[in-house]
Amino acid sequence: MTMRFTELQCKEVICVGSGTRLGFVEDVIVEVPEGDVCSLVVPPQSKALGVLPCREEYVIPWSCVRRIGPDIVLVETKPEECRCPRSKPRGGLRP
């Protein structure tokens, strides 16, 4: 199966065990030079309607991805185990 990154960005990530909606894929981490996908990066859904910047994001190991459907990505993990501080802004584009 092949998929463009832009197609993956349109998919919502949901935990299989709890049904928790984590958010939408924002980025992927790729191992260079092999080109293997290591992780999905998902910013958590803002509870303040996007007004307040989020300080953490979910970094979900590729091994936790169970199924990629037309609209969603199902993962088997606990959200609290995947939370990581957001990396520093690049070029002033990130809050």
N, C-alpha and C. Protein backbone atom coordinates (compact mmCIF):
# COMPACT_ATOMS: atom_id res chain seq x y z
N MET A 1 0.84 -1.18 0.00
CA MET A 1 0.00 0.00 0.00
C MET A 1 0.88 1.24 0.00
N THR A 2 0.52 2.20 -0.80
CA THR A 2 1.23 3.47 -0.81
C THR A 2 0.23 4.58 -0.49
N MET A 3 0.76 5.65 0.11
CA MET A 3 -0.07 6.78 0.49
C MET A 3 0.77 8.03 0.51
N ARG A 4 0.23 9.11 0.03
CA ARG A 4 0.91 10.40 0.10
C ARG A 4 0.75 10.98 1.50
N PHE A 5 1.73 11.78 1.90
CA PHE A 5 1.67 12.42 3.21
C PHE A 5 0.44 13.30 3.33
N THR A 6 0.07 13.99 2.25
CA THR A 6 -1.10 14.87 2.29
C THR A 6 -2.38 14.08 2.54
N GLU A 7 -2.44 12.84 2.10
CA GLU A 7 -3.60 11.99 2.36
C GLU A 7 -3.64 11.59 3.84
N LEU A 8 -2.48 11.34 4.41
CA LEU A 8 -2.39 10.94 5.81
C LEU A 8 -2.78 12.09 6.73
N GLN A 9 -2.47 13.33 6.34
CA GLN A 9 -2.80 14.50 7.16
C GLN A 9 -4.30 14.72 7.32
N CYS A 10 -5.10 14.18 6.45
CA CYS A 10 -6.55 14.38 6.51
C CYS A 10 -7.23 13.35 7.41
N LYS A 11 -6.47 12.49 8.04
CA LYS A 11 -7.04 11.40 8.83
C LYS A 11 -6.96 11.69 10.33
N GLU A 12 -8.04 11.37 11.02
CA GLU A 12 -8.09 11.53 12.47
C GLU A 12 -7.53 10.29 13.14
N VAL A 13 -6.78 10.49 14.24
CA VAL A 13 -6.16 9.39 14.97
C VAL A 13 -7.02 9.07 16.18
N ILE A 14 -7.39 7.77 16.32
CA ILE A 14 -8.25 7.33 17.41
C ILE A 14 -7.62 6.11 18.08
N CYS A 15 -7.63 6.11 19.44
CA CYS A 15 -7.13 4.97 20.21
C CYS A 15 -8.16 3.86 20.18
N VAL A 16 -7.73 2.65 19.85
CA VAL A 16 -8.63 1.51 19.74
C VAL A 16 -9.24 1.14 21.09
N GLY A 17 -8.43 1.07 22.14
CA GLY A 17 -8.90 0.61 23.44
C GLY A 17 -9.92 1.51 24.10
N SER A 18 -9.67 2.82 24.08
CA SER A 18 -10.52 3.76 24.81
C SER A 18 -11.47 4.54 23.91
N GLY A 19 -11.21 4.56 22.62
CA GLY A 19 -12.02 5.35 21.70
C GLY A 19 -11.67 6.84 21.74
N THR A 20 -10.57 7.18 22.41
CA THR A 20 -10.15 8.58 22.53
C THR A 20 -9.75 9.14 21.18
N ARG A 21 -10.26 10.33 20.88
CA ARG A 21 -9.90 11.03 19.64
C ARG A 21 -8.69 11.90 19.95
N LEU A 22 -7.56 11.60 19.34
CA LEU A 22 -6.32 12.33 19.63
C LEU A 22 -6.16 13.58 18.78
N GLY A 23 -6.68 13.59 17.60
CA GLY A 23 -6.52 14.73 16.69
C GLY A 23 -6.17 14.23 15.30
N PHE A 24 -5.66 15.13 14.48
CA PHE A 24 -5.32 14.79 13.10
C PHE A 24 -3.81 14.74 12.92
N VAL A 25 -3.34 13.86 12.06
CA VAL A 25 -1.91 13.73 11.78
C VAL A 25 -1.39 15.07 11.29
N GLU A 26 -0.33 15.56 11.93
CA GLU A 26 0.28 16.83 11.52
C GLU A 26 1.61 16.59 10.81
N ASP A 27 2.33 15.55 11.23
CA ASP A 27 3.67 15.30 10.72
C ASP A 27 4.01 13.83 10.90
N VAL A 28 5.06 13.40 10.25
CA VAL A 28 5.61 12.05 10.46
C VAL A 28 7.11 12.18 10.72
N ILE A 29 7.62 11.23 11.45
CA ILE A 29 9.06 11.16 11.68
C ILE A 29 9.58 10.00 10.85
N VAL A 30 10.55 10.29 10.00
CA VAL A 30 11.09 9.30 9.06
C VAL A 30 12.55 9.05 9.37
N GLU A 31 12.95 7.79 9.33
CA GLU A 31 14.34 7.41 9.53
C GLU A 31 15.10 7.61 8.22
N VAL A 32 16.17 8.39 8.29
CA VAL A 32 16.96 8.69 7.10
C VAL A 32 18.28 7.94 7.20
N PRO A 33 18.84 7.36 6.19
CA PRO A 33 18.45 7.37 4.78
C PRO A 33 17.51 6.24 4.39
N GLU A 34 17.14 5.37 5.33
CA GLU A 34 16.31 4.21 5.00
C GLU A 34 14.93 4.58 4.47
N GLY A 35 14.36 5.68 4.98
CA GLY A 35 13.04 6.10 4.54
C GLY A 35 11.91 5.42 5.28
N ASP A 36 12.21 4.75 6.39
CA ASP A 36 11.17 4.07 7.17
C ASP A 36 10.43 5.08 8.05
N VAL A 37 9.11 4.97 8.10
CA VAL A 37 8.31 5.83 8.98
C VAL A 37 8.47 5.31 10.40
N CYS A 38 8.87 6.19 11.32
CA CYS A 38 9.07 5.81 12.73
C CYS A 38 7.86 6.15 13.58
N SER A 39 7.28 7.34 13.37
CA SER A 39 6.21 7.82 14.24
C SER A 39 5.28 8.78 13.51
N LEU A 40 4.07 8.89 14.06
CA LEU A 40 3.12 9.91 13.63
C LEU A 40 3.12 11.01 14.69
N VAL A 41 3.02 12.25 14.27
CA VAL A 41 2.96 13.38 15.19
C VAL A 41 1.56 13.99 15.08
N VAL A 42 0.90 14.08 16.25
CA VAL A 42 -0.48 14.57 16.30
C VAL A 42 -0.59 15.63 17.39
N PRO A 43 -0.92 16.88 17.02
CA PRO A 43 -1.16 17.87 18.07
C PRO A 43 -2.51 17.57 18.71
N PRO A 44 -2.61 17.63 20.04
CA PRO A 44 -3.90 17.35 20.67
C PRO A 44 -4.94 18.40 20.29
N GLN A 45 -6.19 17.98 20.27
CA GLN A 45 -7.26 18.91 19.94
C GLN A 45 -7.36 19.96 21.04
N SER A 46 -7.40 21.20 20.65
CA SER A 46 -7.44 22.31 21.60
C SER A 46 -8.82 22.42 22.23
N LYS A 47 -8.84 22.60 23.54
CA LYS A 47 -10.10 22.79 24.24
C LYS A 47 -10.45 24.27 24.31
N ALA A 48 -9.50 25.14 23.92
CA ALA A 48 -9.73 26.58 23.96
C ALA A 48 -9.97 27.14 22.56
N LEU A 49 -10.51 26.32 21.67
CA LEU A 49 -10.84 26.73 20.30
C LEU A 49 -9.65 27.27 19.53
N GLY A 50 -8.46 26.75 19.83
CA GLY A 50 -7.28 27.16 19.10
C GLY A 50 -6.69 28.48 19.53
N VAL A 51 -7.24 29.10 20.58
CA VAL A 51 -6.75 30.40 21.03
C VAL A 51 -5.43 30.26 21.79
N LEU A 52 -5.35 29.26 22.64
CA LEU A 52 -4.13 29.04 23.42
C LEU A 52 -3.23 28.03 22.72
N PRO A 53 -1.93 28.32 22.62
CA PRO A 53 -1.03 27.36 21.98
C PRO A 53 -0.86 26.12 22.85
N CYS A 54 -0.75 25.00 22.22
CA CYS A 54 -0.59 23.74 22.93
C CYS A 54 0.90 23.46 23.14
N ARG A 55 1.27 23.07 24.33
CA ARG A 55 2.67 22.86 24.68
C ARG A 55 3.13 21.41 24.47
N GLU A 56 2.19 20.50 24.22
CA GLU A 56 2.54 19.09 24.03
C GLU A 56 1.90 18.57 22.75
N GLU A 57 2.42 17.44 22.30
CA GLU A 57 1.86 16.76 21.15
C GLU A 57 1.97 15.27 21.38
N TYR A 58 1.26 14.49 20.60
CA TYR A 58 1.38 13.04 20.67
C TYR A 58 2.38 12.59 19.62
N VAL A 59 3.33 11.78 20.04
CA VAL A 59 4.27 11.14 19.11
C VAL A 59 3.99 9.64 19.22
N ILE A 60 3.33 9.10 18.21
CA ILE A 60 2.85 7.73 18.25
C ILE A 60 3.76 6.84 17.41
N PRO A 61 4.41 5.86 18.04
CA PRO A 61 5.28 4.95 17.28
C PRO A 61 4.51 4.23 16.17
N TRP A 62 5.14 4.06 15.05
CA TRP A 62 4.51 3.39 13.91
C TRP A 62 4.07 1.98 14.28
N SER A 63 4.78 1.34 15.20
CA SER A 63 4.42 -0.02 15.62
C SER A 63 3.06 -0.06 16.33
N CYS A 64 2.55 1.08 16.79
CA CYS A 64 1.25 1.16 17.46
C CYS A 64 0.10 1.36 16.48
N VAL A 65 0.39 1.65 15.23
CA VAL A 65 -0.66 1.85 14.21
C VAL A 65 -1.24 0.48 13.86
N ARG A 66 -2.55 0.33 14.03
CA ARG A 66 -3.21 -0.94 13.75
C ARG A 66 -3.91 -0.97 12.40
N ARG A 67 -4.52 0.14 12.02
CA ARG A 67 -5.23 0.16 10.75
C ARG A 67 -5.34 1.58 10.25
N ILE A 68 -5.20 1.76 8.95
CA ILE A 68 -5.41 3.05 8.31
C ILE A 68 -6.60 2.90 7.39
N GLY A 69 -7.67 3.63 7.70
CA GLY A 69 -8.88 3.57 6.90
C GLY A 69 -9.01 4.80 6.04
N PRO A 70 -10.15 4.95 5.38
CA PRO A 70 -10.34 6.09 4.49
C PRO A 70 -10.37 7.43 5.22
N ASP A 71 -10.81 7.42 6.50
CA ASP A 71 -10.94 8.67 7.25
C ASP A 71 -10.18 8.69 8.56
N ILE A 72 -9.80 7.53 9.08
CA ILE A 72 -9.17 7.48 10.40
C ILE A 72 -7.95 6.57 10.43
N VAL A 73 -7.14 6.80 11.45
CA VAL A 73 -6.00 5.93 11.75
C VAL A 73 -6.26 5.37 13.15
N LEU A 74 -6.35 4.05 13.27
CA LEU A 74 -6.57 3.41 14.56
C LEU A 74 -5.22 3.03 15.15
N VAL A 75 -5.00 3.43 16.41
CA VAL A 75 -3.74 3.13 17.09
C VAL A 75 -4.04 2.42 18.40
N GLU A 76 -3.11 1.57 18.81
CA GLU A 76 -3.25 0.85 20.07
C GLU A 76 -2.16 1.35 21.01
N THR A 77 -2.51 2.33 21.82
CA THR A 77 -1.59 2.92 22.77
C THR A 77 -2.39 3.70 23.80
N LYS A 78 -1.75 4.13 24.85
CA LYS A 78 -2.39 4.99 25.84
C LYS A 78 -1.94 6.42 25.56
N PRO A 79 -2.87 7.35 25.44
CA PRO A 79 -2.50 8.73 25.10
C PRO A 79 -1.44 9.32 26.02
N GLU A 80 -1.53 9.06 27.31
CA GLU A 80 -0.57 9.65 28.25
C GLU A 80 0.86 9.14 28.02
N GLU A 81 1.00 7.96 27.42
CA GLU A 81 2.34 7.42 27.14
C GLU A 81 2.96 8.03 25.89
N CYS A 82 2.17 8.71 25.08
CA CYS A 82 2.66 9.28 23.82
C CYS A 82 2.85 10.79 23.87
N ARG A 83 2.52 11.42 24.99
CA ARG A 83 2.65 12.88 25.07
C ARG A 83 4.11 13.29 25.17
N CYS A 84 4.48 14.27 24.37
CA CYS A 84 5.84 14.80 24.36
C CYS A 84 5.76 16.32 24.27
N PRO A 85 6.74 17.03 24.85
CA PRO A 85 6.76 18.48 24.66
C PRO A 85 6.93 18.80 23.18
N ARG A 86 6.25 19.85 22.73
CA ARG A 86 6.39 20.25 21.33
C ARG A 86 7.79 20.77 21.08
N SER A 87 8.30 20.50 19.91
CA SER A 87 9.62 21.01 19.54
C SER A 87 9.54 22.52 19.36
N LYS A 88 10.69 23.15 19.37
CA LYS A 88 10.72 24.61 19.22
C LYS A 88 10.20 25.01 17.84
N PRO A 89 9.59 26.19 17.76
CA PRO A 89 9.06 26.66 16.48
C PRO A 89 10.15 26.74 15.42
N ARG A 90 9.77 26.40 14.20
CA ARG A 90 10.68 26.49 13.07
C ARG A 90 10.27 27.68 12.22
N GLY A 91 11.13 28.67 12.16
CA GLY A 91 10.87 29.81 11.31
C GLY A 91 9.69 30.65 11.75
N GLY A 92 9.31 30.55 13.01
CA GLY A 92 8.22 31.36 13.54
C GLY A 92 6.85 30.91 13.11
N LEU A 93 6.72 29.71 12.55
CA LEU A 93 5.43 29.25 12.07
C LEU A 93 4.59 28.57 13.14
N ARG A 94 5.23 28.01 14.15
CA ARG A 94 4.51 27.31 15.21
C ARG A 94 4.42 28.19 16.45
N PRO A 95 3.29 28.07 17.17
CA PRO A 95 3.17 28.84 18.42
C PRO A 95 4.08 28.29 19.50
